[in-house]
C-alpha atoms as a PDB file:
ATOM      1  CA  UNK A   1      -0.326  -0.141   0.206  1.00  0.00           C
ATOM      2  CA  UNK A   2       1.092   3.970  -0.328  1.00  0.00           C
ATOM      3  CA  UNK A   3       0.352   5.046   3.061  1.00  0.00           C
ATOM      4  CA  UNK A   4       0.615   8.511   4.616  1.00  0.00           C
ATOM      5  CA  UNK A   5       1.084   8.742   8.493  1.00  0.00           C
ATOM      6  CA  UNK A   6       0.112  12.826   9.137  1.00  0.00           C
ATOM      7  CA  UNK A   7       2.663  13.028  12.532  1.00  0.00           C
ATOM      8  CA  UNK A   8       5.160   9.513  12.260  1.00  0.00           C
ATOM      9  CA  UNK A   9       7.891  10.231  14.898  1.00  0.00           C
ATOM     10  CA  UNK A  10       6.169   9.779  18.931  1.00  0.00           C
ATOM     11  CA  UNK A  11       5.341   7.230  20.435  1.00  0.00           C
ATOM     12  CA  UNK A  12       2.852   5.154  18.177  1.00  0.00           C
ATOM     13  CA  UNK A  13       3.249   7.249  15.249  1.00  0.00           C
ATOM     14  CA  UNK A  14       6.794   6.342  14.424  1.00  0.00           C
ATOM     15  CA  UNK A  15       5.539   2.548  16.041  1.00  0.00           C
ATOM     16  CA  UNK A  16       2.662   2.766  13.156  1.00  0.00           C
ATOM     17  CA  UNK A  17       5.634   3.945  10.285  1.00  0.00           C
ATOM     18  CA  UNK A  18       8.177   0.940  11.395  1.00  0.00           C
ATOM     19  CA  UNK A  19       5.961  -1.785  10.795  1.00  0.00           C
ATOM     20  CA  UNK A  20       4.198  -0.641   7.853  1.00  0.00           C
ATOM     21  CA  UNK A  21       7.875   0.014   6.480  1.00  0.00           C
ATOM     22  CA  UNK A  22       9.156  -3.362   7.512  1.00  0.00           C
ATOM     23  CA  UNK A  23       5.143  -4.730   5.466  1.00  0.00           C
ATOM     24  CA  UNK A  24       6.662  -3.653   2.105  1.00  0.00           C
ATOM     25  CA  UNK A  25       4.611  -0.802   1.891  1.00  0.00           C
ATOM     26  CA  UNK A  26       5.273   2.730   1.002  1.00  0.00           C
ATOM     27  CA  UNK A  27       5.442   4.918   3.352  1.00  0.00           C
ATOM     28  CA  UNK A  28       5.252   8.818   3.792  1.00  0.00           C
ATOM     29  CA  UNK A  29       5.638  10.302   7.412  1.00  0.00           C
ATOM     30  CA  UNK A  30       4.050  14.275   7.922  1.00  0.00           C
ATOM     31  CA  UNK A  31       5.435  15.226  11.028  1.00  0.00           C
ATOM     32  CA  UNK A  32       8.200  17.908  12.566  1.00  0.00           C
ATOM     33  CA  UNK A  33      10.598  15.530  13.865  1.00  0.00           C
ATOM     34  CA  UNK A  34      10.589  16.842  17.177  1.00  0.00           C
ATOM     35  CA  UNK A  35       9.883  13.500  18.800  1.00  0.00           C
ATOM     36  CA  UNK A  36      12.905  11.491  16.886  1.00  0.00           C
ATOM     37  CA  UNK A  37      13.431  10.522  13.696  1.00  0.00           C
ATOM     38  CA  UNK A  38      12.198   8.828  11.164  1.00  0.00           C
ATOM     39  CA  UNK A  39      12.238   4.727  10.372  1.00  0.00           C
ATOM     40  CA  UNK A  40      14.666   3.980   7.718  1.00  0.00           C
ATOM     41  CA  UNK A  41      12.824   3.472   4.491  1.00  0.00           C
ATOM     42  CA  UNK A  42      10.289   5.765   5.437  1.00  0.00           C
ATOM     43  CA  UNK A  43       9.667   9.417   3.051  1.00  0.00           C
ATOM     44  CA  UNK A  44       9.385  12.018   6.071  1.00  0.00           C
ATOM     45  CA  UNK A  45       7.807  15.324   4.796  1.00  0.00           C
ATOM     46  CA  UNK A  46       8.848  17.721   7.968  1.00  0.00           C
ATOM     47  CA  UNK A  47       6.200  19.897   8.221  1.00  0.00           C
ATOM     48  CA  UNK A  48       4.271  21.935  11.075  1.00  0.00           C
ATOM     49  CA  UNK A  49       1.128  21.445   9.839  1.00  0.00           C
ATOM     50  CA  UNK A  50       0.046  24.885  11.871  1.00  0.00           C
ATOM     51  CA  UNK A  51       1.199  26.114   8.604  1.00  0.00           C
ATOM     52  CA  UNK A  52      -2.101  24.671   7.172  1.00  0.00           C
ATOM     53  CA  UNK A  53      -2.790  23.082   3.666  1.00  0.00           C
ATOM     54  CA  UNK A  54       0.826  24.110   3.103  1.00  0.00           C
ATOM     55  CA  UNK A  55       2.217  21.627   5.364  1.00  0.00           C
ATOM     56  CA  UNK A  56       0.460  18.437   2.709  1.00  0.00           C
ATOM     57  CA  UNK A  57       1.740  20.185  -0.469  1.00  0.00           C
ATOM     58  CA  UNK A  58       4.986  17.109  -0.877  1.00  0.00           C
ATOM     59  CA  UNK A  59       2.174  14.612  -0.733  1.00  0.00           C
ATOM     60  CA  UNK A  60       1.422  14.151  -4.035  1.00  0.00           C
ATOM     61  CA  UNK A  61      -0.525  11.644  -5.439  1.00  0.00           C
ATOM     62  CA  UNK A  62      -3.434   9.393  -4.934  1.00  0.00           C
ATOM     63  CA  UNK A  63      -2.871   7.111  -0.781  1.00  0.00           C
ATOM     64  CA  UNK A  64      -4.013   4.060  -0.040  1.00  0.00           C
ATOM     65  CA  UNK A  65      -4.228   4.925   3.645  1.00  0.00           C
ATOM     66  CA  UNK A  66      -4.406   8.170   5.576  1.00  0.00           C
ATOM     67  CA  UNK A  67      -3.748   7.743   9.307  1.00  0.00           C
ATOM     68  CA  UNK A  68      -4.185  11.046  11.468  1.00  0.00           C
ATOM     69  CA  UNK A  69      -2.900  11.032  14.791  1.00  0.00           C
ATOM     70  CA  UNK A  70      -3.836  14.751  15.647  1.00  0.00           C
ATOM     71  CA  UNK A  71      -6.115  15.833  19.179  1.00  0.00           C
ATOM     72  CA  UNK A  72      -6.521  19.142  17.434  1.00  0.00           C
ATOM     73  CA  UNK A  73      -8.839  19.838  15.075  1.00  0.00           C
ATOM     74  CA  UNK A  74      -8.214  22.170  12.788  1.00  0.00           C
ATOM     75  CA  UNK A  75      -4.519  20.075  12.179  1.00  0.00           C
ATOM     76  CA  UNK A  76      -7.389  17.474  11.311  1.00  0.00           C
ATOM     77  CA  UNK A  77      -9.609  19.736   8.901  1.00  0.00           C
ATOM     78  CA  UNK A  78      -6.627  21.321   6.329  1.00  0.00           C
ATOM     79  CA  UNK A  79      -5.476  16.975   5.645  1.00  0.00           C
ATOM     80  CA  UNK A  80      -8.603  16.603   4.454  1.00  0.00           C
ATOM     81  CA  UNK A  81      -9.049  19.317   2.236  1.00  0.00           C
ATOM     82  CA  UNK A  82      -6.156  18.308   0.420  1.00  0.00           C
ATOM     83  CA  UNK A  83      -6.006  14.384   0.512  1.00  0.00           C
ATOM     84  CA  UNK A  84      -9.514  13.276   1.119  1.00  0.00           C
ATOM     85  CA  UNK A  85     -10.343  12.561  -2.505  1.00  0.00           C
ATOM     86  CA  UNK A  86      -7.055  11.188  -3.035  1.00  0.00           C
ATOM     87  CA  UNK A  87      -6.819   8.575  -0.275  1.00  0.00           C
ATOM     88  CA  UNK A  88      -9.177   5.313  -0.372  1.00  0.00           C
ATOM     89  CA  UNK A  89      -9.224   4.856   3.341  1.00  0.00           C
ATOM     90  CA  UNK A  90      -9.139   6.976   6.259  1.00  0.00           C
ATOM     91  CA  UNK A  91      -8.046   6.312   9.473  1.00  0.00           C
ATOM     92  CA  UNK A  92      -8.331   9.153  12.719  1.00  0.00           C
ATOM     93  CA  UNK A  93      -6.949   7.855  16.030  1.00  0.00           C
ATOM     94  CA  UNK A  94      -9.060   9.403  18.071  1.00  0.00           C
ATOM     95  CA  UNK A  95      -9.864   8.535  22.167  1.00  0.00           C
ATOM     96  CA  UNK A  96     -12.189   6.577  24.691  1.00  0.00           C
ATOM     97  CA  UNK A  97     -11.163   9.880  26.334  1.00  0.00           C
ATOM     98  CA  UNK A  98     -14.349  11.230  24.052  1.00  0.00           C
ATOM     99  CA  UNK A  99     -16.877   9.461  26.607  1.00  0.00           C
ATOM    100  CA  UNK A 100     -19.131  11.645  28.149  1.00  0.00           C
ATOM    101  CA  UNK A 101     -19.269   9.654  31.570  1.00  0.00           C
ATOM    102  CA  UNK A 102     -16.542   6.857  32.742  1.00  0.00           C
ATOM    103  CA  UNK A 103     -18.905   5.214  35.639  1.00  0.00           C
ATOM    104  CA  UNK A 104     -20.641   2.727  33.401  1.00  0.00           C
ATOM    105  CA  UNK A 105     -18.577  -0.987  33.073  1.00  0.00           C
ATOM    106  CA  UNK A 106     -18.640  -2.692  29.711  1.00  0.00           C
ATOM    107  CA  UNK A 107     -20.024   0.596  27.798  1.00  0.00           C
ATOM    108  CA  UNK A 108     -19.744   0.227  24.177  1.00  0.00           C
ATOM    109  CA  UNK A 109     -18.959   2.870  20.859  1.00  0.00           C
ATOM    110  CA  UNK A 110     -22.561   3.412  21.345  1.00  0.00           C
ATOM    111  CA  UNK A 111     -22.183   5.327  25.077  1.00  0.00           C
ATOM    112  CA  UNK A 112     -22.580   9.236  24.514  1.00  0.00           C
ATOM    113  CA  UNK A 113     -19.680  11.246  23.822  1.00  0.00           C
ATOM    114  CA  UNK A 114     -18.509  14.537  25.315  1.00  0.00           C
ATOM    115  CA  UNK A 115     -20.014  18.114  23.419  1.00  0.00           C
ATOM    116  CA  UNK A 116     -17.142  18.820  20.694  1.00  0.00           C
ATOM    117  CA  UNK A 117     -15.115  21.798  20.520  1.00  0.00           C
ATOM    118  CA  UNK A 118     -16.597  24.372  18.137  1.00  0.00           C
ATOM    119  CA  UNK A 119     -15.802  23.812  14.571  1.00  0.00           C
ATOM    120  CA  UNK A 120     -11.918  25.512  13.919  1.00  0.00           C
ATOM    121  CA  UNK A 121     -12.034  26.200  17.369  1.00  0.00           C
ATOM    122  CA  UNK A 122      -8.114  24.832  18.489  1.00  0.00           C
ATOM    123  CA  UNK A 123      -7.445  22.424  21.670  1.00  0.00           C
ATOM    124  CA  UNK A 124      -5.987  25.448  24.107  1.00  0.00           C
ATOM    125  CA  UNK A 125      -5.115  22.349  26.890  1.00  0.00           C
ATOM    126  CA  UNK A 126      -5.647  18.958  27.755  1.00  0.00           C
ATOM    127  CA  UNK A 127      -8.548  19.450  29.867  1.00  0.00           C
ATOM    128  CA  UNK A 128     -10.346  20.045  26.560  1.00  0.00           C
ATOM    129  CA  UNK A 129      -8.468  16.488  25.040  1.00  0.00           C
ATOM    130  CA  UNK A 130     -11.567  14.764  24.983  1.00  0.00           C
ATOM    131  CA  UNK A 131     -13.833  17.368  23.345  1.00  0.00           C
ATOM    132  CA  UNK A 132     -11.304  18.159  20.965  1.00  0.00           C
ATOM    133  CA  UNK A 133     -10.831  14.388  19.769  1.00  0.00           C
ATOM    134  CA  UNK A 134     -14.970  14.059  19.002  1.00  0.00           C
ATOM    135  CA  UNK A 135     -14.540  17.228  16.909  1.00  0.00           C
ATOM    136  CA  UNK A 136     -11.485  15.881  14.944  1.00  0.00           C
ATOM    137  CA  UNK A 137     -13.985  12.340  14.396  1.00  0.00           C
ATOM    138  CA  UNK A 138     -16.517  14.335  13.374  1.00  0.00           C
ATOM    139  CA  UNK A 139     -14.397  16.453  10.546  1.00  0.00           C
ATOM    140  CA  UNK A 140     -13.406  12.644   8.913  1.00  0.00           C
ATOM    141  CA  UNK A 141     -16.828  11.557   9.838  1.00  0.00           C
ATOM    142  CA  UNK A 142     -18.044  14.716   7.200  1.00  0.00           C
ATOM    143  CA  UNK A 143     -15.558  13.950   4.916  1.00  0.00           C
ATOM    144  CA  UNK A 144     -15.495  10.158   4.177  1.00  0.00           C
ATOM    145  CA  UNK A 145     -19.027   8.944   5.729  1.00  0.00           C
ATOM    146  CA  UNK A 146     -18.045   5.235   4.142  1.00  0.00           C
ATOM    147  CA  UNK A 147     -14.161   5.251   3.949  1.00  0.00           C
ATOM    148  CA  UNK A 148     -13.396   5.817   7.915  1.00  0.00           C
ATOM    149  CA  UNK A 149     -12.030   4.009  10.762  1.00  0.00           C
ATOM    150  CA  UNK A 150     -12.404   6.259  14.063  1.00  0.00           C
ATOM    151  CA  UNK A 151     -10.602   4.406  16.568  1.00  0.00           C
ATOM    152  CA  UNK A 152     -10.679   4.790  19.887  1.00  0.00           C
ATOM    153  CA  UNK A 153      -7.928   3.128  21.539  1.00  0.00           C
ATOM    154  CA  UNK A 154      -7.510   3.320  25.737  1.00  0.00           C
ATOM    155  CA  UNK A 155      -4.130   3.204  27.740  1.00  0.00           C
ATOM    156  CA  UNK A 156      -1.634   2.230  25.128  1.00  0.00           C
ATOM    157  CA  UNK A 157       1.446   0.518  27.301  1.00  0.00           C
ATOM    158  CA  UNK A 158       4.948  -0.908  26.172  1.00  0.00           C
ATOM    159  CA  UNK A 159       8.544   0.523  24.805  1.00  0.00           C
ATOM    160  CA  UNK A 160       8.976   3.659  23.839  1.00  0.00           C
ATOM    161  CA  UNK A 161       6.029   5.182  25.950  1.00  0.00           C
ATOM    162  CA  UNK A 162       6.766   8.624  27.237  1.00  0.00           C
ATOM    163  CA  UNK A 163       3.272   9.225  30.255  1.00  0.00           C
ATOM    164  CA  UNK A 164       5.752   6.704  31.869  1.00  0.00           C
ATOM    165  CA  UNK A 165       2.157   5.618  33.476  1.00  0.00           C
ATOM    166  CA  UNK A 166       2.843   1.696  32.846  1.00  0.00           C
ATOM    167  CA  UNK A 167       6.999   1.633  33.468  1.00  0.00           C
ATOM    168  CA  UNK A 168       6.919   3.273  36.363  1.00  0.00           C
ATOM    169  CA  UNK A 169       5.817  -0.121  37.704  1.00  0.00           C
ATOM    170  CA  UNK A 170       8.113  -2.441  36.011  1.00  0.00           C
ATOM    171  CA  UNK A 171      10.554   0.072  37.499  1.00  0.00           C
ATOM    172  CA  UNK A 172       9.403  -0.005  40.801  1.00  0.00           C
ATOM    173  CA  UNK A 173       9.095  -3.739  41.423  1.00  0.00           C
ATOM    174  CA  UNK A 174      12.612  -4.481  39.739  1.00  0.00           C
ATOM    175  CA  UNK A 175      13.917  -2.381  41.961  1.00  0.00           C
ATOM    176  CA  UNK A 176      12.127  -4.531  45.333  1.00  0.00           C
ATOM    177  CA  UNK A 177      11.804  -3.245  49.307  1.00  0.00           C
ATOM    178  CA  UNK A 178       8.853  -2.188  50.857  1.00  0.00           C
ATOM    179  CA  UNK A 179       6.841  -1.113  47.706  1.00  0.00           C
ATOM    180  CA  UNK A 180       3.506   1.587  48.302  1.00  0.00           C
ATOM    181  CA  UNK A 181       0.460  -0.255  46.484  1.00  0.00           C
ATOM    182  CA  UNK A 182      -3.416   1.507  46.167  1.00  0.00           C
ATOM    183  CA  UNK A 183      -5.984  -1.135  47.532  1.00  0.00           C
ATOM    184  CA  UNK A 184      -7.799  -0.198  44.200  1.00  0.00           C
ATOM    185  CA  UNK A 185     -11.112  -2.008  45.349  1.00  0.00           C
ATOM    186  CA  UNK A 186     -13.606  -0.192  42.790  1.00  0.00           C
ATOM    187  CA  UNK A 187     -10.615   0.176  39.546  1.00  0.00           C
ATOM    188  CA  UNK A 188      -9.329  -1.631  36.851  1.00  0.00           C
ATOM    189  CA  UNK A 189      -6.664  -2.082  34.608  1.00  0.00           C
ATOM    190  CA  UNK A 190      -7.556  -2.241  30.589  1.00  0.00           C
ATOM    191  CA  UNK A 191      -4.402  -1.602  27.972  1.00  0.00           C
ATOM    192  CA  UNK A 192      -3.298  -3.205  25.079  1.00  0.00           C
ATOM    193  CA  UNK A 193       0.656  -3.410  23.525  1.00  0.00           C
ATOM    194  CA  UNK A 194       1.671   0.070  21.144  1.00  0.00           C
ATOM    195  CA  UNK A 195       3.029  -3.171  18.856  1.00  0.00           C
ATOM    196  CA  UNK A 196       0.118  -4.629  19.366  1.00  0.00           C
ATOM    197  CA  UNK A 197      -2.443  -1.656  18.392  1.00  0.00           C
ATOM    198  CA  UNK A 198      -0.141  -0.147  15.466  1.00  0.00           C
ATOM    199  CA  UNK A 199      -0.869  -3.592  13.845  1.00  0.00           C
ATOM    200  CA  UNK A 200      -4.212  -3.563  14.565  1.00  0.00           C
ATOM    201  CA  UNK A 201      -4.748   0.096  12.528  1.00  0.00           C
ATOM    202  CA  UNK A 202      -2.439  -1.907   9.763  1.00  0.00           C
ATOM    203  CA  UNK A 203      -5.153  -4.739   9.073  1.00  0.00           C
ATOM    204  CA  UNK A 204      -7.405  -1.956   9.423  1.00  0.00           C
ATOM    205  CA  UNK A 205      -6.448  -0.430   6.548  1.00  0.00           C
ATOM    206  CA  UNK A 206      -5.607  -3.558   4.761  1.00  0.00           C
ATOM    207  CA  UNK A 207      -9.182  -4.505   5.082  1.00  0.00           C
ATOM    208  CA  UNK A 208     -10.501  -0.938   4.698  1.00  0.00           C
ATOM    209  CA  UNK A 209     -12.110  -0.986   7.533  1.00  0.00           C
ATOM    210  CA  UNK A 210     -14.657   1.227   8.259  1.00  0.00           C
ATOM    211  CA  UNK A 211     -16.743   2.563  11.343  1.00  0.00           C
ATOM    212  CA  UNK A 212     -16.453   3.253  15.096  1.00  0.00           C
ATOM    213  CA  UNK A 213     -14.111   1.241  17.331  1.00  0.00           C
ATOM    214  CA  UNK A 214     -12.890   1.032  20.476  1.00  0.00           C
ATOM    215  CA  UNK A 215      -9.419  -0.736  20.942  1.00  0.00           C
ATOM    216  CA  UNK A 216      -8.867  -1.294  23.889  1.00  0.00           C
ATOM    217  CA  UNK A 217      -7.165  -4.723  25.963  1.00  0.00           C
ATOM    218  CA  UNK A 218      -8.412  -7.693  28.278  1.00  0.00           C
ATOM    219  CA  UNK A 219      -9.661  -5.880  31.447  1.00  0.00           C
ATOM    220  CA  UNK A 220      -9.666  -6.443  34.951  1.00  0.00           C
ATOM    221  CA  UNK A 221      -9.433  -5.617  39.170  1.00  0.00           C
ATOM    222  CA  UNK A 222      -7.387  -3.866  39.626  1.00  0.00           C
ATOM    223  CA  UNK A 223      -6.094  -6.186  42.657  1.00  0.00           C
ATOM    224  CA  UNK A 224      -6.283  -9.216  39.831  1.00  0.00           C
ATOM    225  CA  UNK A 225      -3.498  -7.146  37.689  1.00  0.00           C
ATOM    226  CA  UNK A 226      -1.200  -5.966  40.569  1.00  0.00           C
ATOM    227  CA  UNK A 227      -1.259  -9.508  41.402  1.00  0.00           C
ATOM    228  CA  UNK A 228      -0.229 -10.581  37.972  1.00  0.00           C
ATOM    229  CA  UNK A 229       2.492  -7.194  37.955  1.00  0.00           C
ATOM    230  CA  UNK A 230       3.922  -9.129  40.948  1.00  0.00           C
ATOM    231  CA  UNK A 231       4.403 -12.616  39.983  1.00  0.00           C
ATOM    232  CA  UNK A 232       6.146 -11.774  36.478  1.00  0.00           C
ATOM    233  CA  UNK A 233       8.344  -9.661  38.223  1.00  0.00           C
ATOM    234  CA  UNK A 234       9.008 -12.073  40.511  1.00  0.00           C
ATOM    235  CA  UNK A 235       8.946  -9.714  43.441  1.00  0.00           C
ATOM    236  CA  UNK A 236      10.310 -10.441  46.464  1.00  0.00           C
ATOM    237  CA  UNK A 237       9.558  -7.325  48.259  1.00  0.00           C
ATOM    238  CA  UNK A 238       7.353  -6.714  50.724  1.00  0.00           C
ATOM    239  CA  UNK A 239       3.863  -4.856  48.985  1.00  0.00           C
ATOM    240  CA  UNK A 240       2.129  -2.116  51.681  1.00  0.00           C
ATOM    241  CA  UNK A 241      -1.158  -1.879  50.478  1.00  0.00           C
ATOM    242  CA  UNK A 242      -3.029   1.540  51.178  1.00  0.00           C
ATOM    243  CA  UNK A 243      -6.679   2.637  51.521  1.00  0.00           C
ATOM    244  CA  UNK A 244      -7.969   4.518  48.324  1.00  0.00           C
ATOM    245  CA  UNK A 245      -9.090   6.951  50.704  1.00  0.00           C
ATOM    246  CA  UNK A 246      -6.427   7.282  52.805  1.00  0.00           C
ATOM    247  CA  UNK A 247      -3.908   8.021  49.716  1.00  0.00           C
ATOM    248  CA  UNK A 248      -6.399  10.614  48.404  1.00  0.00           C
ATOM    249  CA  UNK A 249      -5.874  12.434  51.747  1.00  0.00           C
ATOM    250  CA  UNK A 250      -2.326  12.384  51.219  1.00  0.00           C
ATOM    251  CA  UNK A 251      -2.739  13.985  47.942  1.00  0.00           C
ATOM    252  CA  UNK A 252      -1.221  10.914  46.315  1.00  0.00           C
ATOM    253  CA  UNK A 253      -3.077  11.398  42.226  1.00  0.00           C
ATOM    254  CA  UNK A 254      -4.732   8.442  40.277  1.00  0.00           C
ATOM    255  CA  UNK A 255      -3.846   7.734  36.742  1.00  0.00           C
ATOM    256  CA  UNK A 256      -1.177   9.776  35.744  1.00  0.00           C
ATOM    257  CA  UNK A 257       1.093  12.382  36.551  1.00  0.00           C
ATOM    258  CA  UNK A 258       4.169  13.699  39.080  1.00  0.00           C
ATOM    259  CA  UNK A 259       3.720  12.446  42.580  1.00  0.00           C
ATOM    260  CA  UNK A 260       0.846   9.890  40.882  1.00  0.00           C
ATOM    261  CA  UNK A 261       0.518   5.834  41.604  1.00  0.00           C
ATOM    262  CA  UNK A 262      -0.345   5.519  38.418  1.00  0.00           C
ATOM    263  CA  UNK A 263      -3.045   3.492  35.897  1.00  0.00           C
ATOM    264  CA  UNK A 264      -5.063   2.974  39.338  1.00  0.00           C
ATOM    265  CA  UNK A 265      -8.308   5.496  39.460  1.00  0.00           C
ATOM    266  CA  UNK A 266     -10.501   5.943  41.645  1.00  0.00           C
ATOM    267  CA  UNK A 267     -13.790   5.612  42.318  1.00  0.00           C
ATOM    268  CA  UNK A 268     -16.026   7.481  39.564  1.00  0.00           C
ATOM    269  CA  UNK A 269     -14.659   5.785  37.025  1.00  0.00           C
ATOM    270  CA  UNK A 270     -15.687   1.717  37.369  1.00  0.00           C
ATOM    271  CA  UNK A 271     -16.741   2.551  33.451  1.00  0.00           C
ATOM    272  CA  UNK A 272     -12.907   3.664  32.334  1.00  0.00           C
ATOM    273  CA  UNK A 273     -10.688   1.040  31.588  1.00  0.00           C
ATOM    274  CA  UNK A 274     -13.480  -1.850  31.309  1.00  0.00           C
ATOM    275  CA  UNK A 275     -14.813  -0.725  28.364  1.00  0.00           C
ATOM    276  CA  UNK A 276     -15.610  -3.451  24.995  1.00  0.00           C
ATOM    277  CA  UNK A 277     -14.211  -3.938  22.083  1.00  0.00           C
ATOM    278  CA  UNK A 278     -15.867  -6.711  20.345  1.00  0.00           C
ATOM    279  CA  UNK A 279     -15.586  -5.472  16.931  1.00  0.00           C
ATOM    280  CA  UNK A 280     -11.796  -4.616  17.179  1.00  0.00           C
ATOM    281  CA  UNK A 281     -11.351  -7.998  17.790  1.00  0.00           C
ATOM    282  CA  UNK A 282     -13.380  -9.306  15.815  1.00  0.00           C
ATOM    283  CA  UNK A 283     -11.577  -7.474  13.184  1.00  0.00           C
ATOM    284  CA  UNK A 284      -8.703  -7.979  13.984  1.00  0.00           C
ATOM    285  CA  UNK A 285      -7.320  -6.662  17.393  1.00  0.00           C
ATOM    286  CA  UNK A 286      -4.377  -9.068  18.761  1.00  0.00           C
ATOM    287  CA  UNK A 287      -2.619  -8.903  22.611  1.00  0.00           C
ATOM    288  CA  UNK A 288       0.159 -10.227  23.281  1.00  0.00           C
ATOM    289  CA  UNK A 289       0.959 -11.817  26.852  1.00  0.00           C
ATOM    290  CA  UNK A 290       1.510 -10.170  29.731  1.00  0.00           C
ATOM    291  CA  UNK A 291       5.289 -11.219  30.058  1.00  0.00           C
ATOM    292  CA  UNK A 292       5.996 -10.132  26.784  1.00  0.00           C
ATOM    293  CA  UNK A 293       4.869  -6.218  27.088  1.00  0.00           C
ATOM    294  CA  UNK A 294       6.747  -6.373  30.505  1.00  0.00           C
ATOM    295  CA  UNK A 295      10.133  -7.681  30.055  1.00  0.00           C
ATOM    296  CA  UNK A 296      10.106  -5.149  26.879  1.00  0.00           C
ATOM    297  CA  UNK A 297       9.136  -2.771  29.169  1.00  0.00           C
ATOM    298  CA  UNK A 298      10.918  -2.969  31.637  1.00  0.00           C
ATOM    299  CA  UNK A 299      14.162  -2.762  29.390  1.00  0.00           C
ATOM    300  CA  UNK A 300      13.179   0.644  27.868  1.00  0.00           C
ATOM    301  CA  UNK A 301      13.030   1.671  31.351  1.00  0.00           C
ATOM    302  CA  UNK A 302      16.078   0.376  32.434  1.00  0.00           C
ATOM    303  CA  UNK A 303      18.199   2.416  29.178  1.00  0.00           C
ATOM    304  CA  UNK A 304      15.922   5.065  30.197  1.00  0.00           C
ATOM    305  CA  UNK A 305      17.750   5.413  34.017  1.00  0.00           C
ATOM    306  CA  UNK A 306      14.975   3.643  36.691  1.00  0.00           C
ATOM    307  CA  UNK A 307      16.203   6.782  39.146  1.00  0.00           C
ATOM    308  CA  UNK A 308      15.866   9.215  35.977  1.00  0.00           C
ATOM    309  CA  UNK A 309      12.684  11.894  36.946  1.00  0.00           C
ATOM    310  CA  UNK A 310       9.601  10.731  35.509  1.00  0.00           C
ATOM    311  CA  UNK A 311       6.565  11.950  34.477  1.00  0.00           C
ATOM    312  CA  UNK A 312       4.316  10.221  36.618  1.00  0.00           C
ATOM    313  CA  UNK A 313       4.338   8.194  39.867  1.00  0.00           C
ATOM    314  CA  UNK A 314       6.508   8.696  43.010  1.00  0.00           C
ATOM    315  CA  UNK A 315       9.472   9.726  43.633  1.00  0.00           C
ATOM    316  CA  UNK A 316      12.005   7.327  45.661  1.00  0.00           C
ATOM    317  CA  UNK A 317      11.866   9.592  48.648  1.00  0.00           C
ATOM    318  CA  UNK A 318       7.639  11.153  48.527  1.00  0.00           C
ATOM    319  CA  UNK A 319       7.275   6.952  48.567  1.00  0.00           C
ATOM    320  CA  UNK A 320       9.759   6.336  51.530  1.00  0.00           C
ATOM    321  CA  UNK A 321       7.383   9.255  53.419  1.00  0.00           C
ATOM    322  CA  UNK A 322       4.299   7.488  52.417  1.00  0.00           C
ATOM    323  CA  UNK A 323       5.806   3.852  53.786  1.00  0.00           C
ATOM    324  CA  UNK A 324       7.081   5.816  57.240  1.00  0.00           C
ATOM    325  CA  UNK A 325       2.683   7.195  57.409  1.00  0.00           C
ATOM    326  CA  UNK A 326       0.923   4.174  56.311  1.00  0.00           C
ATOM    327  CA  UNK A 327       3.228   1.700  59.463  1.00  0.00           C
END
């Protein structure tokens, strides 16, 4: 196939580009390149989409597939004006963050979504991420109603993840000792290895899959997931389990960010990581064993430095302080 990837040097898009090149496709990337270099064998069109449609001037000819990963609605609109008539298939990588509520377990793609940002309005902050992705979806569906694949992934994990969320846990358990864990009585965990998700996006393009699909992995209760983490890591330290309410009192954030215990979610998010993805699974989405994702993520974490300053998780000093209070 002849494929255009709009954005192609960050976490997901670079993995997708590598797999597409390896599969023998002709791959064209439109990216600034600030997140890394294009993989060998890809055609890199260095451009900033803030420049408007001119950023796509180098993309001549027709394409069997276009994949766009943008979160900015105006970045989604300009490529459609330039390429929609020349693309046999279009994938927008959206997000499960488009959904209006996250408290209903096992919701599917028919669940209500957030109100979109106004047409033409840029996303001003991450608080507008969900509404911005809804507007991106509307732009794509309006331009290619029968040739569009709207993909809504959940948490993507694996080597190269810049968010540090999932990677915190392989790195932390590898260090051993006494480790702080949320009880997570009402929390679940659901994720897909970025390599499996990229493979699914390629399969969807090859099959010209159309429609809206959640792309999430199997869901497990937090306590069961953590038990698997302890098992695959060979952890022989001491788990120190804290009540969710106590962690909140201590100012420990859930999900992501500095000072957090990542991936764990508090009450009210019982549906956030229990969404269904039967359509994507039937269309080719696969999930590799946790052991493989864990080992490869840990190896990547070790290369980055286990003691580095992280975007998500507790520092060693902060965890020690909390463990002392918990005692």
